[in-house]
């Protein structure tokens, strides 16, 4: 194989590998997000609540009642109704993609 063909094969292989890693990373983040949503639905249902449409949003640490959070955490604000009341719960999830994180935690209204 001549040098130009070899360099083209190397470049195409590198790009294909990068594309594959990107797709795998996207699938992993999507799976983690789906897992978090399943946990949120389950806990709110156990509380006897119903999540309002578009009631789950990821928020920065500054907008949450949590004192600490790491890069490996996602903080969710969950707005839901229970017995005709509008309530807000908070969930700090633990992502598996970072070692800088706080433990999973819920703040539920009393």
N, C-alpha and C. Protein backbone atom coordinates (compact mmCIF):
# COMPACT_ATOMS: atom_id res chain seq x y z
N UNK A 1 0.85 -1.17 0.00
CA UNK A 1 0.00 0.00 0.00
C UNK A 1 0.90 1.24 0.00
N UNK A 2 0.61 2.17 -0.89
CA UNK A 2 1.45 3.36 -0.95
C UNK A 2 1.12 4.32 0.19
N UNK A 3 1.93 5.31 0.38
CA UNK A 3 1.83 6.21 1.54
C UNK A 3 0.53 7.01 1.54
N UNK A 4 0.07 7.46 0.37
CA UNK A 4 -1.16 8.27 0.35
C UNK A 4 -2.38 7.44 0.71
N UNK A 5 -2.43 6.21 0.19
CA UNK A 5 -3.56 5.33 0.55
C UNK A 5 -3.53 5.00 2.03
N UNK A 6 -2.33 4.75 2.54
CA UNK A 6 -2.18 4.40 3.96
C UNK A 6 -2.62 5.56 4.85
N UNK A 7 -2.24 6.79 4.50
CA UNK A 7 -2.64 7.94 5.32
C UNK A 7 -4.15 8.17 5.24
N UNK A 8 -4.75 7.94 4.08
CA UNK A 8 -6.20 8.07 3.94
C UNK A 8 -6.93 7.04 4.78
N UNK A 9 -6.42 5.81 4.79
CA UNK A 9 -7.02 4.75 5.61
C UNK A 9 -6.91 5.10 7.09
N UNK A 10 -5.79 5.64 7.50
CA UNK A 10 -5.60 6.02 8.90
C UNK A 10 -6.57 7.15 9.28
N UNK A 11 -6.71 8.14 8.43
CA UNK A 11 -7.61 9.26 8.71
C UNK A 11 -9.06 8.79 8.77
N UNK A 12 -9.48 7.96 7.82
CA UNK A 12 -10.85 7.45 7.81
C UNK A 12 -11.10 6.58 9.04
N UNK A 13 -10.12 5.76 9.41
CA UNK A 13 -10.26 4.92 10.61
C UNK A 13 -10.40 5.77 11.86
N UNK A 14 -9.60 6.82 11.97
CA UNK A 14 -9.68 7.71 13.12
C UNK A 14 -11.05 8.38 13.18
N UNK A 15 -11.54 8.89 12.07
CA UNK A 15 -12.84 9.54 12.04
C UNK A 15 -13.97 8.56 12.37
N UNK A 16 -13.88 7.35 11.86
CA UNK A 16 -14.89 6.34 12.16
C UNK A 16 -14.87 6.00 13.65
N UNK A 17 -13.69 5.89 14.23
CA UNK A 17 -13.58 5.61 15.66
C UNK A 17 -14.15 6.74 16.50
N UNK A 18 -13.87 7.98 16.11
CA UNK A 18 -14.40 9.13 16.83
C UNK A 18 -15.93 9.17 16.74
N UNK A 19 -16.45 8.87 15.57
CA UNK A 19 -17.90 8.84 15.39
C UNK A 19 -18.53 7.75 16.25
N UNK A 20 -17.92 6.58 16.28
CA UNK A 20 -18.43 5.48 17.10
C UNK A 20 -18.42 5.85 18.58
N UNK A 21 -17.33 6.47 19.05
CA UNK A 21 -17.27 6.88 20.46
C UNK A 21 -18.32 7.93 20.77
N UNK A 22 -18.57 8.84 19.84
CA UNK A 22 -19.59 9.86 20.04
C UNK A 22 -20.97 9.24 20.17
N UNK A 23 -21.27 8.28 19.32
CA UNK A 23 -22.57 7.60 19.37
C UNK A 23 -22.72 6.83 20.68
N UNK A 24 -21.67 6.15 21.10
CA UNK A 24 -21.73 5.41 22.36
C UNK A 24 -21.90 6.34 23.56
N UNK A 25 -21.23 7.49 23.55
CA UNK A 25 -21.37 8.45 24.64
C UNK A 25 -22.79 9.00 24.68
N UNK A 26 -23.35 9.32 23.53
CA UNK A 26 -24.73 9.82 23.48
C UNK A 26 -25.71 8.78 24.01
N UNK A 27 -25.52 7.53 23.61
CA UNK A 27 -26.40 6.46 24.07
C UNK A 27 -26.28 6.28 25.59
N UNK A 28 -25.08 6.39 26.11
CA UNK A 28 -24.88 6.27 27.55
C UNK A 28 -25.55 7.39 28.33
N UNK A 29 -25.43 8.63 27.84
CA UNK A 29 -26.07 9.76 28.52
C UNK A 29 -27.59 9.64 28.42
N UNK A 30 -28.08 9.17 27.30
CA UNK A 30 -29.52 9.00 27.14
C UNK A 30 -30.05 7.93 28.09
N UNK A 31 -29.32 6.83 28.22
CA UNK A 31 -29.73 5.76 29.13
C UNK A 31 -29.74 6.25 30.58
N UNK A 32 -28.74 7.05 30.95
CA UNK A 32 -28.69 7.58 32.32
C UNK A 32 -29.87 8.52 32.57
N UNK A 33 -30.18 9.35 31.59
CA UNK A 33 -31.32 10.26 31.72
C UNK A 33 -32.63 9.49 31.86
N UNK A 34 -32.79 8.44 31.06
CA UNK A 34 -34.00 7.62 31.16
C UNK A 34 -34.09 6.94 32.53
N UNK A 35 -32.95 6.50 33.05
CA UNK A 35 -32.92 5.86 34.38
C UNK A 35 -33.33 6.87 35.46
N UNK A 36 -32.82 8.11 35.35
CA UNK A 36 -33.18 9.14 36.33
C UNK A 36 -34.68 9.44 36.27
N UNK A 37 -35.22 9.53 35.06
CA UNK A 37 -36.66 9.81 34.92
C UNK A 37 -37.49 8.67 35.51
N UNK A 38 -37.07 7.43 35.33
CA UNK A 38 -37.80 6.30 35.90
C UNK A 38 -37.78 6.37 37.43
N UNK A 39 -36.65 6.73 38.01
CA UNK A 39 -36.55 6.87 39.46
C UNK A 39 -37.46 8.00 39.94
N UNK A 40 -37.43 9.12 39.25
CA UNK A 40 -38.26 10.28 39.63
C UNK A 40 -39.74 9.91 39.58
N UNK A 41 -40.17 9.29 38.49
CA UNK A 41 -41.58 8.89 38.38
C UNK A 41 -41.98 7.96 39.51
N UNK A 42 -41.11 7.00 39.81
CA UNK A 42 -41.41 6.02 40.85
C UNK A 42 -41.55 6.68 42.22
N UNK A 43 -40.63 7.54 42.57
CA UNK A 43 -40.66 8.18 43.90
C UNK A 43 -41.88 9.10 44.03
N UNK A 44 -42.16 9.88 43.00
CA UNK A 44 -43.31 10.79 43.06
C UNK A 44 -44.60 9.99 43.14
N UNK A 45 -44.67 8.89 42.42
CA UNK A 45 -45.86 8.03 42.47
C UNK A 45 -46.01 7.44 43.88
N UNK A 46 -44.91 7.02 44.51
CA UNK A 46 -44.97 6.49 45.87
C UNK A 46 -45.46 7.55 46.87
N UNK A 47 -45.16 8.82 46.57
CA UNK A 47 -45.61 9.92 47.42
C UNK A 47 -47.08 10.24 47.19
N UNK A 48 -47.67 9.62 46.16
CA UNK A 48 -49.07 9.88 45.85
C UNK A 48 -49.26 11.07 44.93
N UNK A 49 -48.20 11.50 44.25
CA UNK A 49 -48.27 12.67 43.40
C UNK A 49 -48.29 12.31 41.92
N UNK A 50 -48.58 13.33 41.12
CA UNK A 50 -48.59 13.21 39.67
C UNK A 50 -47.74 14.36 39.13
N UNK A 51 -46.73 14.03 38.34
CA UNK A 51 -45.85 15.04 37.77
C UNK A 51 -46.62 15.83 36.72
N UNK A 52 -46.51 17.16 36.80
CA UNK A 52 -47.18 18.02 35.82
C UNK A 52 -46.41 17.94 34.49
N UNK A 53 -47.07 18.23 33.37
CA UNK A 53 -46.37 18.23 32.09
C UNK A 53 -45.17 19.19 32.11
N UNK A 54 -44.06 18.74 31.61
CA UNK A 54 -42.81 19.51 31.62
C UNK A 54 -42.41 19.92 33.03
N UNK A 55 -42.74 19.10 34.01
CA UNK A 55 -42.49 19.43 35.41
C UNK A 55 -41.13 18.99 35.92
N UNK A 56 -40.34 18.31 35.10
CA UNK A 56 -39.02 17.87 35.53
C UNK A 56 -37.98 18.65 34.73
N UNK A 57 -37.18 19.43 35.44
CA UNK A 57 -36.13 20.20 34.78
C UNK A 57 -34.82 20.07 35.53
N UNK A 58 -33.73 20.02 34.78
CA UNK A 58 -32.40 20.03 35.38
C UNK A 58 -32.03 21.47 35.68
N UNK A 59 -31.53 21.71 36.88
CA UNK A 59 -31.20 23.08 37.29
C UNK A 59 -29.77 23.12 37.83
N UNK A 60 -29.14 24.30 37.79
CA UNK A 60 -27.81 24.43 38.40
C UNK A 60 -27.89 24.42 39.92
N UNK A 61 -26.78 24.16 40.55
CA UNK A 61 -26.70 24.09 42.01
C UNK A 61 -27.24 25.36 42.66
N UNK A 62 -26.96 26.52 42.08
CA UNK A 62 -27.36 27.79 42.67
C UNK A 62 -28.87 27.94 42.77
N UNK A 63 -29.62 27.27 41.92
CA UNK A 63 -31.09 27.38 41.93
C UNK A 63 -31.74 26.28 42.77
N UNK A 64 -30.94 25.47 43.43
CA UNK A 64 -31.48 24.35 44.21
C UNK A 64 -31.24 24.55 45.69
N UNK A 65 -31.91 23.78 46.53
CA UNK A 65 -31.68 23.87 47.97
C UNK A 65 -30.48 23.03 48.44
N UNK A 66 -29.81 22.33 47.53
CA UNK A 66 -28.65 21.53 47.92
C UNK A 66 -27.45 22.44 48.16
N UNK A 67 -26.69 22.12 49.20
CA UNK A 67 -25.51 22.92 49.51
C UNK A 67 -24.32 22.53 48.65
N UNK A 68 -24.25 21.25 48.29
CA UNK A 68 -23.09 20.78 47.53
C UNK A 68 -23.54 19.90 46.38
N UNK A 69 -22.75 19.91 45.34
CA UNK A 69 -22.98 19.04 44.19
C UNK A 69 -21.69 19.01 43.39
N UNK A 70 -21.39 17.88 42.79
CA UNK A 70 -20.19 17.77 41.98
C UNK A 70 -20.52 17.68 40.50
N UNK A 71 -19.48 17.58 39.70
CA UNK A 71 -19.67 17.45 38.25
C UNK A 71 -20.38 16.15 37.90
N UNK A 72 -20.37 15.19 38.81
CA UNK A 72 -21.01 13.91 38.57
C UNK A 72 -22.44 13.84 39.07
N UNK A 73 -23.03 15.00 39.33
CA UNK A 73 -24.42 15.05 39.77
C UNK A 73 -25.25 15.88 38.81
N UNK A 74 -26.51 15.48 38.67
CA UNK A 74 -27.50 16.31 37.98
C UNK A 74 -28.58 16.61 39.00
N UNK A 75 -28.96 17.87 39.11
CA UNK A 75 -30.00 18.26 40.05
C UNK A 75 -31.28 18.53 39.27
N UNK A 76 -32.36 17.88 39.72
CA UNK A 76 -33.66 18.03 39.07
C UNK A 76 -34.64 18.73 40.00
N UNK A 77 -35.41 19.64 39.43
CA UNK A 77 -36.56 20.23 40.13
C UNK A 77 -37.79 19.53 39.56
N UNK A 78 -38.59 18.94 40.45
CA UNK A 78 -39.77 18.19 40.02
C UNK A 78 -41.01 18.91 40.55
N UNK A 79 -41.84 19.37 39.65
CA UNK A 79 -43.09 20.01 40.03
C UNK A 79 -44.20 18.99 39.81
N UNK A 80 -45.00 18.80 40.86
CA UNK A 80 -46.06 17.79 40.79
C UNK A 80 -47.25 18.23 41.63
N UNK A 81 -48.35 17.52 41.44
CA UNK A 81 -49.55 17.81 42.23
C UNK A 81 -49.88 16.61 43.10
N UNK A 82 -50.42 16.91 44.27
CA UNK A 82 -50.86 15.87 45.20
C UNK A 82 -52.03 16.44 45.98
N UNK A 83 -53.14 15.76 45.92
CA UNK A 83 -54.35 16.20 46.61
C UNK A 83 -54.72 17.65 46.27
N UNK A 84 -54.55 18.01 45.01
CA UNK A 84 -54.91 19.35 44.55
C UNK A 84 -53.89 20.43 44.86
N UNK A 85 -52.81 20.08 45.51
CA UNK A 85 -51.76 21.04 45.84
C UNK A 85 -50.62 20.95 44.84
N UNK A 86 -50.04 22.08 44.48
CA UNK A 86 -48.83 22.10 43.66
C UNK A 86 -47.63 22.04 44.58
N UNK A 87 -46.76 21.05 44.36
CA UNK A 87 -45.60 20.84 45.21
C UNK A 87 -44.34 20.77 44.36
N UNK A 88 -43.20 21.00 45.02
CA UNK A 88 -41.91 20.91 44.34
C UNK A 88 -41.00 19.98 45.13
N UNK A 89 -40.40 19.04 44.45
CA UNK A 89 -39.41 18.14 45.05
C UNK A 89 -38.09 18.37 44.33
N UNK A 90 -37.01 17.97 44.98
CA UNK A 90 -35.67 18.12 44.42
C UNK A 90 -34.96 16.78 44.47
N UNK A 91 -34.24 16.47 43.41
CA UNK A 91 -33.51 15.20 43.33
C UNK A 91 -32.11 15.46 42.81
N UNK A 92 -31.12 15.06 43.59
CA UNK A 92 -29.73 15.13 43.14
C UNK A 92 -29.31 13.71 42.74
N UNK A 93 -29.21 13.51 41.44
CA UNK A 93 -28.88 12.17 40.95
C UNK A 93 -27.37 11.98 40.94
N UNK A 94 -26.99 10.75 40.89
CA UNK A 94 -25.57 10.41 40.82
C UNK A 94 -25.29 9.87 39.43
N UNK A 95 -24.51 10.61 38.68
CA UNK A 95 -24.09 10.14 37.37
C UNK A 95 -22.86 9.25 37.55
N UNK A 96 -22.71 8.29 36.70
CA UNK A 96 -21.59 7.35 36.84
C UNK A 96 -20.40 7.79 36.01
N UNK A 97 -20.44 9.00 35.44
CA UNK A 97 -19.40 9.43 34.53
C UNK A 97 -18.30 10.24 35.21
N UNK A 98 -18.39 10.47 36.51
CA UNK A 98 -17.41 11.31 37.19
C UNK A 98 -17.15 10.81 38.59
N UNK A 99 -15.95 11.07 39.06
CA UNK A 99 -15.63 10.69 40.44
C UNK A 99 -15.86 11.85 41.39
N UNK A 100 -16.10 13.06 40.86
CA UNK A 100 -16.38 14.23 41.69
C UNK A 100 -17.89 14.37 41.78
N UNK A 101 -18.47 13.79 42.84
CA UNK A 101 -19.92 13.81 42.98
C UNK A 101 -20.32 13.64 44.43
N UNK A 102 -21.53 14.04 44.71
CA UNK A 102 -22.14 13.86 46.02
C UNK A 102 -23.11 12.68 45.91
N UNK A 103 -23.49 12.07 47.03
CA UNK A 103 -24.42 10.95 46.97
C UNK A 103 -25.81 11.38 46.51
N UNK A 104 -26.53 10.43 45.97
CA UNK A 104 -27.91 10.67 45.54
C UNK A 104 -28.73 11.14 46.74
N UNK A 105 -29.60 12.13 46.52
CA UNK A 105 -30.40 12.65 47.64
C UNK A 105 -31.70 13.26 47.12
N UNK A 106 -32.73 13.16 47.95
CA UNK A 106 -34.05 13.74 47.67
C UNK A 106 -34.36 14.79 48.72
N UNK A 107 -35.04 15.85 48.31
CA UNK A 107 -35.66 16.80 49.22
C UNK A 107 -37.13 16.84 48.82
N UNK A 108 -37.97 16.30 49.69
CA UNK A 108 -39.40 16.21 49.41
C UNK A 108 -40.15 17.13 50.38
N UNK A 109 -41.24 17.77 49.91
CA UNK A 109 -42.03 18.61 50.81
C UNK A 109 -42.69 17.77 51.89
N UNK A 110 -42.84 18.35 53.05
CA UNK A 110 -43.45 17.61 54.18
C UNK A 110 -44.94 17.71 54.13
